[in-house]
Amino acid sequence: MEALYLLIPLSLCIVVLAVWIFFGASESGQFDDLDGPGMRILHDDDLT
């Protein structure tokens, strides 16, 4: 039972950290263009 006094706050801290990282990546534009890099490989840029 004493282990829960450590594990519950620790798990809550990890969840808050994960949410903070996710929203930080979302605010910086990490998820803006999901299709561009996948389609870019299909277009051949060689003009020779």
PDB file of N, CA and C in Angstrom:
ATOM      1  N   MET A   1       0.815  -1.195   0.000  1.00  0.00           N
ATOM      2  CA  MET A   1       0.000   0.000   0.000  1.00  0.00           C
ATOM      3  C   MET A   1       0.863   1.266   0.000  1.00  0.00           C
ATOM      4  N   GLU A   2       2.017   1.211   0.633  1.00  0.00           N
ATOM      5  CA  GLU A   2       2.879   2.390   0.658  1.00  0.00           C
ATOM      6  C   GLU A   2       3.437   2.718  -0.717  1.00  0.00           C
ATOM      7  N   ALA A   3       3.538   1.711  -1.562  1.00  0.00           N
ATOM      8  CA  ALA A   3       4.056   1.951  -2.908  1.00  0.00           C
ATOM      9  C   ALA A   3       3.121   2.846  -3.710  1.00  0.00           C
ATOM     10  N   LEU A   4       1.828   2.789  -3.425  1.00  0.00           N
ATOM     11  CA  LEU A   4       0.874   3.634  -4.144  1.00  0.00           C
ATOM     12  C   LEU A   4       1.083   5.110  -3.839  1.00  0.00           C
ATOM     13  N   TYR A   5       1.566   5.424  -2.662  1.00  0.00           N
ATOM     14  CA  TYR A   5       1.826   6.818  -2.311  1.00  0.00           C
ATOM     15  C   TYR A   5       2.941   7.407  -3.161  1.00  0.00           C
ATOM     16  N   LEU A   6       3.779   6.570  -3.702  1.00  0.00           N
ATOM     17  CA  LEU A   6       4.837   7.013  -4.601  1.00  0.00           C
ATOM     18  C   LEU A   6       4.412   6.909  -6.063  1.00  0.00           C
ATOM     19  N   LEU A   7       3.753   5.817  -6.417  1.00  0.00           N
ATOM     20  CA  LEU A   7       3.459   5.548  -7.821  1.00  0.00           C
ATOM     21  C   LEU A   7       2.369   6.450  -8.394  1.00  0.00           C
ATOM     22  N   ILE A   8       1.366   6.792  -7.608  1.00  0.00           N
ATOM     23  CA  ILE A   8       0.292   7.631  -8.130  1.00  0.00           C
ATOM     24  C   ILE A   8       0.793   9.037  -8.455  1.00  0.00           C
ATOM     25  N   PRO A   9       1.489   9.730  -7.567  1.00  0.00           N
ATOM     26  CA  PRO A   9       2.018  11.049  -7.965  1.00  0.00           C
ATOM     27  C   PRO A   9       3.048  10.977  -9.097  1.00  0.00           C
ATOM     28  N   LEU A  10       3.837   9.922  -9.098  1.00  0.00           N
ATOM     29  CA  LEU A  10       4.825   9.763 -10.171  1.00  0.00           C
ATOM     30  C   LEU A  10       4.136   9.580 -11.519  1.00  0.00           C
ATOM     31  N   SER A  11       3.095   8.770 -11.562  1.00  0.00           N
ATOM     32  CA  SER A  11       2.382   8.555 -12.822  1.00  0.00           C
ATOM     33  C   SER A  11       1.647   9.819 -13.252  1.00  0.00           C
ATOM     34  N   LEU A  12       1.135  10.591 -12.319  1.00  0.00           N
ATOM     35  CA  LEU A  12       0.490  11.848 -12.671  1.00  0.00           C
ATOM     36  C   LEU A  12       1.504  12.842 -13.239  1.00  0.00           C
ATOM     37  N   CYS A  13       2.683  12.867 -12.699  1.00  0.00           N
ATOM     38  CA  CYS A  13       3.739  13.737 -13.237  1.00  0.00           C
ATOM     39  C   CYS A  13       4.123  13.328 -14.648  1.00  0.00           C
ATOM     40  N   ILE A  14       4.186  12.058 -14.910  1.00  0.00           N
ATOM     41  CA  ILE A  14       4.532  11.568 -16.247  1.00  0.00           C
ATOM     42  C   ILE A  14       3.442  11.923 -17.248  1.00  0.00           C
ATOM     43  N   VAL A  15       2.177  11.809 -16.847  1.00  0.00           N
ATOM     44  CA  VAL A  15       1.065  12.156 -17.727  1.00  0.00           C
ATOM     45  C   VAL A  15       1.076  13.651 -18.024  1.00  0.00           C
ATOM     46  N   VAL A  16       1.300  14.467 -17.020  1.00  0.00           N
ATOM     47  CA  VAL A  16       1.352  15.919 -17.233  1.00  0.00           C
ATOM     48  C   VAL A  16       2.513  16.268 -18.157  1.00  0.00           C
ATOM     49  N   LEU A  17       3.651  15.635 -18.000  1.00  0.00           N
ATOM     50  CA  LEU A  17       4.800  15.870 -18.872  1.00  0.00           C
ATOM     51  C   LEU A  17       4.488  15.471 -20.318  1.00  0.00           C
ATOM     52  N   ALA A  18       3.827  14.345 -20.512  1.00  0.00           N
ATOM     53  CA  ALA A  18       3.482  13.891 -21.861  1.00  0.00           C
ATOM     54  C   ALA A  18       2.490  14.844 -22.527  1.00  0.00           C
ATOM     55  N   VAL A  19       1.514  15.322 -21.785  1.00  0.00           N
ATOM     56  CA  VAL A  19       0.541  16.269 -22.342  1.00  0.00           C
ATOM     57  C   VAL A  19       1.230  17.585 -22.677  1.00  0.00           C
ATOM     58  N   TRP A  20       2.143  18.029 -21.820  1.00  0.00           N
ATOM     59  CA  TRP A  20       2.874  19.273 -22.070  1.00  0.00           C
ATOM     60  C   TRP A  20       3.732  19.157 -23.334  1.00  0.00           C
ATOM     61  N   ILE A  21       4.392  18.026 -23.519  1.00  0.00           N
ATOM     62  CA  ILE A  21       5.207  17.811 -24.719  1.00  0.00           C
ATOM     63  C   ILE A  21       4.331  17.767 -25.973  1.00  0.00           C
ATOM     64  N   PHE A  22       3.177  17.098 -25.882  1.00  0.00           N
ATOM     65  CA  PHE A  22       2.275  17.005 -27.027  1.00  0.00           C
ATOM     66  C   PHE A  22       1.766  18.378 -27.448  1.00  0.00           C
ATOM     67  N   PHE A  23       1.299  19.172 -26.486  1.00  0.00           N
ATOM     68  CA  PHE A  23       0.780  20.483 -26.837  1.00  0.00           C
ATOM     69  C   PHE A  23       1.899  21.433 -27.268  1.00  0.00           C
ATOM     70  N   GLY A  24       3.086  21.250 -26.752  1.00  0.00           N
ATOM     71  CA  GLY A  24       4.219  22.039 -27.217  1.00  0.00           C
ATOM     72  C   GLY A  24       4.559  21.737 -28.668  1.00  0.00           C
ATOM     73  N   ALA A  25       4.504  20.472 -29.037  1.00  0.00           N
ATOM     74  CA  ALA A  25       4.769  20.099 -30.426  1.00  0.00           C
ATOM     75  C   ALA A  25       3.647  20.577 -31.335  1.00  0.00           C
ATOM     76  N   SER A  26       2.437  20.543 -30.837  1.00  0.00           N
ATOM     77  CA  SER A  26       1.299  21.000 -31.623  1.00  0.00           C
ATOM     78  C   SER A  26       1.352  22.509 -31.853  1.00  0.00           C
ATOM     79  N   GLU A  27       1.737  23.255 -30.860  1.00  0.00           N
ATOM     80  CA  GLU A  27       1.833  24.709 -30.983  1.00  0.00           C
ATOM     81  C   GLU A  27       2.975  25.137 -31.901  1.00  0.00           C
ATOM     82  N   SER A  28       4.031  24.347 -31.964  1.00  0.00           N
ATOM     83  CA  SER A  28       5.165  24.722 -32.799  1.00  0.00           C
ATOM     84  C   SER A  28       4.977  24.330 -34.267  1.00  0.00           C
ATOM     85  N   GLY A  29       3.865  23.676 -34.594  1.00  0.00           N
ATOM     86  CA  GLY A  29       3.584  23.328 -35.987  1.00  0.00           C
ATOM     87  C   GLY A  29       4.109  21.975 -36.401  1.00  0.00           C
ATOM     88  N   GLN A  30       4.370  21.112 -35.471  1.00  0.00           N
ATOM     89  CA  GLN A  30       4.922  19.795 -35.772  1.00  0.00           C
ATOM     90  C   GLN A  30       3.950  18.960 -36.609  1.00  0.00           C
ATOM     91  N   PHE A  31       2.650  19.147 -36.432  1.00  0.00           N
ATOM     92  CA  PHE A  31       1.652  18.302 -37.089  1.00  0.00           C
ATOM     93  C   PHE A  31       0.911  19.027 -38.198  1.00  0.00           C
ATOM     94  N   ASP A  32       1.486  20.086 -38.743  1.00  0.00           N
ATOM     95  CA  ASP A  32       0.782  20.875 -39.750  1.00  0.00           C
ATOM     96  C   ASP A  32       0.665  20.154 -41.082  1.00  0.00           C
ATOM     97  N   ASP A  33       1.744  19.603 -41.573  1.00  0.00           N
ATOM     98  CA  ASP A  33       1.736  18.980 -42.895  1.00  0.00           C
ATOM     99  C   ASP A  33       2.100  17.509 -42.752  1.00  0.00           C
ATOM    100  N   LEU A  34       1.095  16.658 -42.660  1.00  0.00           N
ATOM    101  CA  LEU A  34       1.356  15.233 -42.511  1.00  0.00           C
ATOM    102  C   LEU A  34       1.472  14.514 -43.852  1.00  0.00           C
ATOM    103  N   ASP A  35       0.888  15.086 -44.914  1.00  0.00           N
ATOM    104  CA  ASP A  35       0.902  14.415 -46.217  1.00  0.00           C
ATOM    105  C   ASP A  35       2.067  14.847 -47.097  1.00  0.00           C
ATOM    106  N   GLY A  36       2.632  15.999 -46.845  1.00  0.00           N
ATOM    107  CA  GLY A  36       3.696  16.535 -47.699  1.00  0.00           C
ATOM    108  C   GLY A  36       4.914  15.646 -47.822  1.00  0.00           C
ATOM    109  N   PRO A  37       5.534  15.225 -46.727  1.00  0.00           N
ATOM    110  CA  PRO A  37       6.733  14.397 -46.855  1.00  0.00           C
ATOM    111  C   PRO A  37       6.463  13.048 -47.531  1.00  0.00           C
ATOM    112  N   GLY A  38       5.285  12.491 -47.337  1.00  0.00           N
ATOM    113  CA  GLY A  38       4.965  11.215 -47.983  1.00  0.00           C
ATOM    114  C   GLY A  38       4.752  11.361 -49.476  1.00  0.00           C
ATOM    115  N   MET A  39       4.223  12.493 -49.899  1.00  0.00           N
ATOM    116  CA  MET A  39       3.986  12.720 -51.327  1.00  0.00           C
ATOM    117  C   MET A  39       5.242  13.237 -52.028  1.00  0.00           C
ATOM    118  N   ARG A  40       6.127  13.874 -51.287  1.00  0.00           N
ATOM    119  CA  ARG A  40       7.340  14.443 -51.882  1.00  0.00           C
ATOM    120  C   ARG A  40       8.232  13.362 -52.475  1.00  0.00           C
ATOM    121  N   ILE A  41       8.227  12.186 -51.882  1.00  0.00           N
ATOM    122  CA  ILE A  41       9.095  11.123 -52.399  1.00  0.00           C
ATOM    123  C   ILE A  41       8.576  10.566 -53.731  1.00  0.00           C
ATOM    124  N   LEU A  42       7.292  10.758 -54.008  1.00  0.00           N
ATOM    125  CA  LEU A  42       6.723  10.252 -55.251  1.00  0.00           C
ATOM    126  C   LEU A  42       7.038  11.139 -56.446  1.00  0.00           C
ATOM    127  N   HIS A  43       7.336  12.402 -56.211  1.00  0.00           N
ATOM    128  CA  HIS A  43       7.647  13.326 -57.290  1.00  0.00           C
ATOM    129  C   HIS A  43       9.147  13.310 -57.553  1.00  0.00           C
ATOM    130  N   ASP A  44       9.498  12.984 -58.785  1.00  0.00           N
ATOM    131  CA  ASP A  44      10.896  12.918 -59.175  1.00  0.00           C
ATOM    132  C   ASP A  44      11.352  14.304 -59.629  1.00  0.00           C
ATOM    133  N   ASP A  45      12.393  14.807 -59.020  1.00  0.00           N
ATOM    134  CA  ASP A  45      12.889  16.135 -59.341  1.00  0.00           C
ATOM    135  C   ASP A  45      14.005  16.133 -60.386  1.00  0.00           C
ATOM    136  N   ASP A  46      14.369  14.965 -60.914  1.00  0.00           N
ATOM    137  CA  ASP A  46      15.415  14.909 -61.928  1.00  0.00           C
ATOM    138  C   ASP A  46      14.866  15.419 -63.258  1.00  0.00           C
ATOM    139  N   LEU A  47      15.525  16.405 -63.811  1.00  0.00           N
ATOM    140  CA  LEU A  47      15.122  16.960 -65.092  1.00  0.00           C
ATOM    141  C   LEU A  47      16.024  16.513 -66.216  1.00  0.00           C
ATOM    142  N   THR A  48      16.858  15.523 -66.002  1.00  0.00           N
ATOM    143  CA  THR A  48      17.801  15.082 -67.037  1.00  0.00           C
ATOM    144  C   THR A  48      17.188  14.067 -67.926  1.00  0.00           C
TER     145      THR A  48
END
